[in-house]
Amino acid sequence: LPRIRCDSTSNYGKDVLLPAASLTPKERTLAGKHVLSVSMFSKEQLNEIFNVAQTMRARVTKDRPLDDLLRGKVMASVFYEVSTRTSCSFAAAMQRLGGRVIYMDETSSSVKKGETLEDSILVMAGYSDVVVLRHPEPGAVSKAAHHCRKPLINAGDGIGEHPTQALLDIFTIREEIGTVNGLTITMVGDLKHGRTVHSLARLLTLYNVNLRTSVRRVWACQIKLRSWSRHVRNLLF
């Protein structure tokens, strides 16, 4: 499989495994960027991300190593909320690609001493090539991004968004069903506080789907889904 080099200085010319021999202008716009919200992605970019994910998963399944892709790179895992799946999945992915992980959480001495989020991110970015941040306050990750000189990935900001989980959800639908288009998808539960569904609903508006919500009124999503899509039906009870 061919490798190409990203032109973005934020990525330090790292090698990226792709099924194509070159990046299109639209794909290049993601190089070195923060991932704060799914609203940054176009349909074409999603397809490219999923194609790369398919290629990488196939190599892992066949025990073909990927550990040369991010060799020498460091990811800072900064979690102000307790996490198991998200924290471990990021760490596992980084290590499979040959990188290393450094950690900081809400129990660290700097946080207990009152260090601000902005200062903590500035310091951790200085130690790493990419920062993954989870924070209980909506909008905190976007705020931190203004002080981060390295790519910052939103791993969940309160009841705001969870972009990478939504990407995984769309990828899983594609892999298990074969397509996203033409489906009727119903979201059930606490949509008001569910950051994952906030991101997933936005991504689904890029596809031809019938999106339904079934939820108690007290948990109704504060975000107006109809402002995203003409294919939304709300079922309140």
Protein backbone atom coordinates (compact mmCIF):
# COMPACT_ATOMS: atom_id res chain seq x y z
CA LEU A 1 0.00 0.00 0.00
CA PRO A 2 1.39 3.42 -0.94
CA ARG A 3 2.33 6.04 1.59
CA ILE A 4 2.31 9.76 1.02
CA ARG A 5 3.59 12.61 3.08
CA CYS A 6 1.30 15.30 4.47
CA ASP A 7 2.33 18.81 3.48
CA SER A 8 1.05 20.36 6.71
CA THR A 9 3.83 21.59 9.00
CA SER A 10 1.58 20.70 11.94
CA ASN A 11 2.02 17.05 11.05
CA TYR A 12 5.79 17.34 10.60
CA GLY A 13 5.67 15.50 7.28
CA LYS A 14 4.50 12.27 8.86
CA ASP A 15 3.66 9.32 6.64
CA VAL A 16 0.00 8.50 6.23
CA LEU A 17 -1.27 5.19 4.87
CA LEU A 18 -3.82 5.76 2.13
CA PRO A 19 -5.43 3.65 -0.59
CA ALA A 20 -4.75 6.40 -3.13
CA ALA A 21 -1.44 7.79 -4.33
CA SER A 22 -2.26 11.43 -3.57
CA LEU A 23 -4.46 13.68 -1.49
CA THR A 24 -7.15 15.78 -3.09
CA PRO A 25 -7.41 19.45 -2.08
CA LYS A 26 -10.46 18.64 0.07
CA GLU A 27 -8.59 15.88 1.88
CA ARG A 28 -5.60 18.12 2.49
CA THR A 29 -7.81 20.51 4.45
CA LEU A 30 -7.88 17.99 7.32
CA ALA A 31 -4.11 17.78 7.69
CA GLY A 32 -2.96 19.23 11.00
CA LYS A 33 -6.45 20.41 11.95
CA HIS A 34 -8.18 20.24 15.30
CA VAL A 35 -11.12 17.80 15.47
CA LEU A 36 -13.61 19.68 17.62
CA SER A 37 -16.96 19.02 15.95
CA VAL A 38 -18.34 16.78 13.23
CA SER A 39 -19.51 19.93 11.45
CA MET A 40 -15.98 20.21 10.03
CA PHE A 41 -16.41 17.11 7.83
CA SER A 42 -17.76 16.90 4.31
CA LYS A 43 -19.24 13.74 2.80
CA GLU A 44 -16.13 13.30 0.67
CA GLN A 45 -13.86 13.56 3.68
CA LEU A 46 -15.92 10.99 5.57
CA ASN A 47 -15.58 8.55 2.69
CA GLU A 48 -11.81 9.02 2.65
CA ILE A 49 -11.56 8.54 6.42
CA PHE A 50 -13.62 5.35 6.23
CA ASN A 51 -11.55 4.00 3.33
CA VAL A 52 -8.38 4.46 5.37
CA ALA A 53 -10.06 2.82 8.38
CA GLN A 54 -11.04 -0.18 6.24
CA THR A 55 -7.49 -0.55 4.98
CA MET A 56 -6.02 -0.34 8.46
CA ARG A 57 -8.51 -2.78 9.95
CA ALA A 58 -7.77 -5.29 7.21
CA ARG A 59 -4.07 -5.07 7.96
CA VAL A 60 -4.62 -5.56 11.69
CA THR A 61 -6.89 -8.55 11.00
CA LYS A 62 -4.17 -10.11 8.86
CA ASP A 63 -1.48 -9.39 11.49
CA ARG A 64 0.25 -6.96 9.17
CA PRO A 65 1.95 -4.31 11.34
CA LEU A 66 1.12 -0.63 11.21
CA ASP A 67 3.71 0.44 13.74
CA ASP A 68 5.82 2.40 11.28
CA LEU A 69 3.17 5.05 10.62
CA LEU A 70 3.51 7.13 13.79
CA ARG A 71 6.83 5.87 15.07
CA GLY A 72 8.49 8.53 17.18
CA LYS A 73 5.26 10.49 17.68
CA VAL A 74 3.68 11.17 21.07
CA MET A 75 -0.01 11.54 21.93
CA ALA A 76 -1.05 13.40 25.08
CA SER A 77 -4.16 11.85 26.64
CA VAL A 78 -5.78 14.54 28.82
CA PHE A 79 -8.97 13.40 30.55
CA TYR A 80 -10.76 15.58 33.08
CA GLU A 81 -13.45 12.89 33.32
CA VAL A 82 -13.02 9.22 34.14
CA SER A 83 -13.03 7.15 30.96
CA THR A 84 -12.33 3.54 30.10
CA ARG A 85 -13.37 2.83 26.52
CA THR A 86 -12.49 6.18 24.95
CA SER A 87 -9.18 6.56 26.77
CA CYS A 88 -8.11 2.98 26.09
CA SER A 89 -9.21 3.04 22.44
CA PHE A 90 -7.15 6.15 21.71
CA ALA A 91 -4.14 4.68 23.51
CA ALA A 92 -4.47 1.35 21.71
CA ALA A 93 -4.77 3.06 18.32
CA MET A 94 -1.71 5.22 18.94
CA GLN A 95 0.35 2.24 20.07
CA ARG A 96 -0.74 0.10 17.11
CA LEU A 97 0.53 2.86 14.85
CA GLY A 98 3.89 2.87 16.59
CA GLY A 99 3.44 5.99 18.70
CA ARG A 100 3.63 6.52 22.45
CA VAL A 101 1.14 7.95 24.94
CA ILE A 102 1.56 10.27 27.91
CA TYR A 103 -1.28 10.78 30.36
CA MET A 104 -2.84 13.52 32.46
CA ASP A 105 -6.15 13.36 34.34
CA GLU A 106 -8.19 15.25 36.92
CA THR A 107 -6.13 13.75 39.75
CA SER A 108 -2.83 15.21 38.58
CA SER A 109 -1.01 17.57 40.91
CA SER A 110 -1.20 20.50 38.49
CA VAL A 111 -5.00 20.33 38.37
CA LYS A 112 -5.25 20.04 42.14
CA LYS A 113 -3.02 23.09 42.48
CA GLY A 114 -5.44 25.09 40.38
CA GLU A 115 -3.69 25.18 37.02
CA THR A 116 -6.07 26.37 34.32
CA LEU A 117 -7.18 24.18 31.43
CA GLU A 118 -5.50 26.54 29.00
CA ASP A 119 -2.14 26.31 30.77
CA SER A 120 -2.37 22.53 31.10
CA ILE A 121 -3.07 22.11 27.39
CA LEU A 122 -0.26 24.49 26.46
CA VAL A 123 2.18 22.43 28.52
CA MET A 124 0.95 19.02 27.31
CA ALA A 125 1.06 20.18 23.69
CA GLY A 126 4.71 21.02 24.22
CA TYR A 127 5.39 17.40 25.17
CA SER A 128 3.46 15.81 22.31
CA ASP A 129 2.49 15.82 18.64
CA VAL A 130 -1.28 15.52 19.17
CA VAL A 131 -3.55 16.10 22.17
CA VAL A 132 -6.74 14.17 22.98
CA LEU A 133 -8.95 16.02 25.46
CA ARG A 134 -12.09 15.10 27.39
CA HIS A 135 -13.72 17.68 29.65
CA PRO A 136 -17.06 17.81 31.50
CA GLU A 137 -17.84 21.37 30.37
CA PRO A 138 -19.50 21.89 26.95
CA GLY A 139 -17.30 24.08 24.78
CA ALA A 140 -14.21 23.56 26.93
CA VAL A 141 -12.37 21.65 24.21
CA SER A 142 -12.96 24.41 21.66
CA LYS A 143 -11.75 26.93 24.22
CA ALA A 144 -8.61 24.89 24.86
CA ALA A 145 -7.93 24.63 21.13
CA HIS A 146 -7.13 28.34 21.01
CA HIS A 147 -4.13 27.62 23.24
CA CYS A 148 -2.99 24.38 21.60
CA ARG A 149 -0.28 24.54 18.96
CA LYS A 150 -0.72 20.89 18.05
CA PRO A 151 -3.80 19.12 16.62
CA LEU A 152 -6.42 18.75 19.37
CA ILE A 153 -9.06 16.00 19.26
CA ASN A 154 -12.34 16.34 21.13
CA ALA A 155 -12.91 13.12 23.10
CA GLY A 156 -16.13 14.47 24.60
CA ASP A 157 -17.02 17.88 26.04
CA GLY A 158 -19.82 17.51 28.56
CA ILE A 159 -23.16 17.28 26.77
CA GLY A 160 -21.69 18.94 23.70
CA GLU A 161 -20.19 16.54 21.16
CA HIS A 162 -18.21 13.33 20.80
CA PRO A 163 -16.95 13.47 17.19
CA THR A 164 -14.79 10.34 17.09
CA GLN A 165 -17.54 8.14 18.55
CA ALA A 166 -19.95 9.39 15.89
CA LEU A 167 -17.40 8.61 13.17
CA LEU A 168 -17.12 5.09 14.55
CA ASP A 169 -20.91 4.74 14.60
CA ILE A 170 -21.22 5.71 10.93
CA PHE A 171 -18.32 3.43 10.00
CA THR A 172 -19.97 0.53 11.86
CA ILE A 173 -23.28 1.08 10.06
CA ARG A 174 -21.46 1.04 6.71
CA GLU A 175 -19.55 -2.11 7.58
CA GLU A 176 -22.47 -4.06 9.05
CA ILE A 177 -25.28 -3.00 6.69
CA GLY A 178 -23.30 -2.00 3.62
CA THR A 179 -24.59 1.55 3.29
CA VAL A 180 -25.97 4.44 5.29
CA ASN A 181 -28.17 5.89 2.57
CA GLY A 182 -31.80 4.82 2.48
CA LEU A 183 -31.96 3.75 6.12
CA THR A 184 -34.45 4.73 8.79
CA ILE A 185 -32.54 5.39 11.99
CA THR A 186 -34.26 5.93 15.33
CA MET A 187 -32.48 7.49 18.29
CA VAL A 188 -33.86 6.52 21.69
CA GLY A 189 -33.04 7.70 25.20
CA ASP A 190 -31.63 10.82 26.80
CA LEU A 191 -30.96 12.89 23.69
CA LYS A 192 -30.74 16.09 25.72
CA HIS A 193 -27.56 15.05 27.51
CA GLY A 194 -26.16 12.55 25.00
CA ARG A 195 -23.12 14.11 23.38
CA THR A 196 -22.67 11.14 21.07
CA VAL A 197 -26.12 11.48 19.52
CA HIS A 198 -25.57 15.21 19.05
CA SER A 199 -22.58 14.40 16.84
CA LEU A 200 -24.18 11.39 15.17
CA ALA A 201 -27.32 13.30 14.19
CA ARG A 202 -25.23 15.98 12.52
CA LEU A 203 -23.24 13.42 10.55
CA LEU A 204 -26.36 11.58 9.44
CA THR A 205 -27.67 14.73 7.76
CA LEU A 206 -24.91 14.23 5.17
CA TYR A 207 -26.68 11.05 4.07
CA ASN A 208 -30.09 10.28 2.61
CA VAL A 209 -31.66 8.86 5.77
CA ASN A 210 -34.92 9.08 7.66
CA LEU A 211 -33.88 10.13 11.15
CA ARG A 212 -36.34 9.61 13.98
CA THR A 213 -36.15 10.33 17.69
CA SER A 214 -38.20 8.59 20.35
CA VAL A 215 -37.73 10.21 23.73
CA ARG A 216 -39.48 11.39 26.87
CA ARG A 217 -40.20 15.11 26.73
CA VAL A 218 -37.92 15.78 29.69
CA TRP A 219 -35.03 14.33 27.67
CA ALA A 220 -35.87 15.98 24.36
CA CYS A 221 -32.84 17.21 22.51
CA GLN A 222 -32.22 20.91 22.99
CA ILE A 223 -30.69 21.12 19.54
CA LYS A 224 -33.34 21.46 16.85
CA LEU A 225 -32.82 18.45 14.63
CA ARG A 226 -35.08 19.90 11.96
CA SER A 227 -32.57 22.68 11.45
CA TRP A 228 -30.12 20.00 10.28
CA SER A 229 -32.33 17.91 8.02
CA ARG A 230 -35.69 17.68 6.30
CA HIS A 231 -35.85 13.98 7.12
CA VAL A 232 -36.41 14.15 10.87
CA ARG A 233 -39.44 12.97 12.78
CA ASN A 234 -39.66 13.50 16.53
CA LEU A 235 -41.71 11.08 18.62
CA LEU A 236 -42.23 12.48 22.12
CA PHE A 237 -43.95 10.61 24.94
